[in-house]
Amino acid sequence: MRLLTLALLAVVLLLQGPLWFGKGGWLRVHELERHVAEQQEVNDGLRRRNAALDAEVRDLKQGYGAIEERARAELGMIRQDEVFFQVLESGPRLAAVPERPQR
């Protein structure tokens, strides 16, 4: 009876081995599911970026508002009837350089 129990236990272990460690086993399936979840996160980020780029392209094609905004922000351009004021931030002041005595 003991020999039969050990034989059946060995058969069960031999059948369970491929289920856990084989090519299509549980561990491999878990690893592949993790990779799929990571790739889906990457794909979602790329979809959001593509949607933003698509909206920007549509905006640039349809109206001048986006073009004007880019010209102001990136190129520093102003309209013809506008007045430009430049505000300088106050930084550390330089000490006056002493003049050299003349010889």
Protein backbone atom coordinates (compact mmCIF):
# COMPACT_ATOMS: atom_id res chain seq x y z
CA MET A 1 0.00 0.00 0.00
CA ARG A 2 2.82 2.38 0.85
CA LEU A 3 4.47 1.72 -2.52
CA LEU A 4 1.21 2.49 -4.32
CA THR A 5 0.87 5.78 -2.40
CA LEU A 6 4.42 6.80 -3.31
CA ALA A 7 3.84 5.86 -6.95
CA LEU A 8 0.64 7.90 -7.12
CA LEU A 9 2.38 10.85 -5.41
CA ALA A 10 5.20 10.65 -7.97
CA VAL A 11 2.69 10.63 -10.83
CA VAL A 12 0.91 13.68 -9.39
CA LEU A 13 4.22 15.52 -9.04
CA LEU A 14 5.17 14.63 -12.61
CA LEU A 15 1.85 15.95 -13.85
CA GLN A 16 2.06 19.12 -11.75
CA GLY A 17 5.60 20.00 -12.86
CA PRO A 18 4.68 21.19 -16.36
CA LEU A 19 1.61 22.95 -14.98
CA TRP A 20 3.79 25.12 -12.71
CA PHE A 21 7.12 25.32 -14.53
CA GLY A 22 6.42 24.36 -18.14
CA LYS A 23 6.16 26.54 -21.24
CA GLY A 24 2.49 27.35 -20.60
CA GLY A 25 2.63 26.99 -16.83
CA TRP A 26 1.21 29.26 -14.16
CA LEU A 27 4.48 31.09 -13.55
CA ARG A 28 4.92 31.89 -17.25
CA VAL A 29 1.29 33.01 -17.53
CA HIS A 30 1.73 35.33 -14.54
CA GLU A 31 4.90 36.81 -16.07
CA LEU A 32 3.17 37.36 -19.42
CA GLU A 33 0.18 39.03 -17.74
CA ARG A 34 2.56 41.43 -15.99
CA HIS A 35 4.24 42.26 -19.31
CA VAL A 36 0.86 42.83 -20.95
CA ALA A 37 -0.19 45.21 -18.15
CA GLU A 38 3.06 47.19 -18.50
CA GLN A 39 2.65 47.43 -22.26
CA GLN A 40 -0.96 48.58 -21.87
CA GLU A 41 0.23 51.43 -19.61
CA VAL A 42 2.79 52.45 -22.23
CA ASN A 43 0.16 52.27 -24.96
CA ASP A 44 -2.27 54.40 -22.92
CA GLY A 45 0.39 57.08 -22.50
CA LEU A 46 1.11 57.04 -26.22
CA ARG A 47 -2.62 57.27 -27.01
CA ARG A 48 -2.95 60.35 -24.79
CA ARG A 49 0.09 61.94 -26.45
CA ASN A 50 -1.28 61.17 -29.91
CA ALA A 51 -4.67 62.64 -28.99
CA ALA A 52 -3.00 65.84 -27.76
CA LEU A 53 -0.92 66.10 -30.94
CA ASP A 54 -4.01 65.45 -33.07
CA ALA A 55 -5.93 68.20 -31.26
CA GLU A 56 -3.02 70.59 -31.75
CA VAL A 57 -2.81 69.79 -35.48
CA ARG A 58 -6.57 70.32 -35.89
CA ASP A 59 -6.34 73.61 -34.00
CA LEU A 60 -3.46 74.79 -36.18
CA LYS A 61 -5.35 73.86 -39.35
CA GLN A 62 -8.65 75.47 -38.37
CA GLY A 63 -7.80 78.76 -36.75
CA TYR A 64 -5.24 81.44 -36.23
CA GLY A 65 -5.53 81.46 -32.43
CA ALA A 66 -3.09 78.60 -31.95
CA ILE A 67 -0.67 80.05 -34.47
CA GLU A 68 -0.77 83.42 -32.71
CA GLU A 69 -0.27 81.77 -29.33
CA ARG A 70 2.79 79.87 -30.58
CA ALA A 71 4.24 82.99 -32.19
CA ARG A 72 3.88 84.87 -28.90
CA ALA A 73 5.18 82.10 -26.62
CA GLU A 74 7.97 80.60 -28.70
CA LEU A 75 9.08 83.46 -30.92
CA GLY A 76 8.31 86.46 -28.71
CA MET A 77 6.27 88.16 -31.43
CA ILE A 78 3.69 90.92 -30.85
CA ARG A 79 0.97 92.45 -32.99
CA GLN A 80 1.45 95.66 -34.86
CA ASP A 81 -0.88 97.69 -32.62
CA GLU A 82 0.49 96.38 -29.31
CA VAL A 83 3.03 97.92 -26.97
CA PHE A 84 5.72 95.67 -25.56
CA PHE A 85 6.87 96.07 -21.96
CA GLN A 86 9.80 94.07 -20.64
CA VAL A 87 9.95 93.66 -16.87
CA LEU A 88 13.36 92.72 -15.55
CA GLU A 89 13.62 90.81 -12.33
CA SER A 90 15.82 92.45 -9.77
CA GLY A 91 18.88 90.36 -9.11
CA PRO A 92 21.99 90.83 -7.04
CA ARG A 93 23.50 94.20 -7.82
CA LEU A 94 27.10 94.39 -8.84
CA ALA A 95 29.41 96.39 -6.63
CA ALA A 96 30.85 99.49 -8.20
CA VAL A 97 34.29 98.89 -9.61
CA PRO A 98 36.79 101.38 -8.16
CA GLU A 99 38.52 103.50 -10.72
CA ARG A 100 42.28 103.18 -11.09
CA PRO A 101 44.28 106.21 -10.16
CA GLN A 102 45.89 107.90 -13.09
CA ARG A 103 49.65 108.14 -13.15
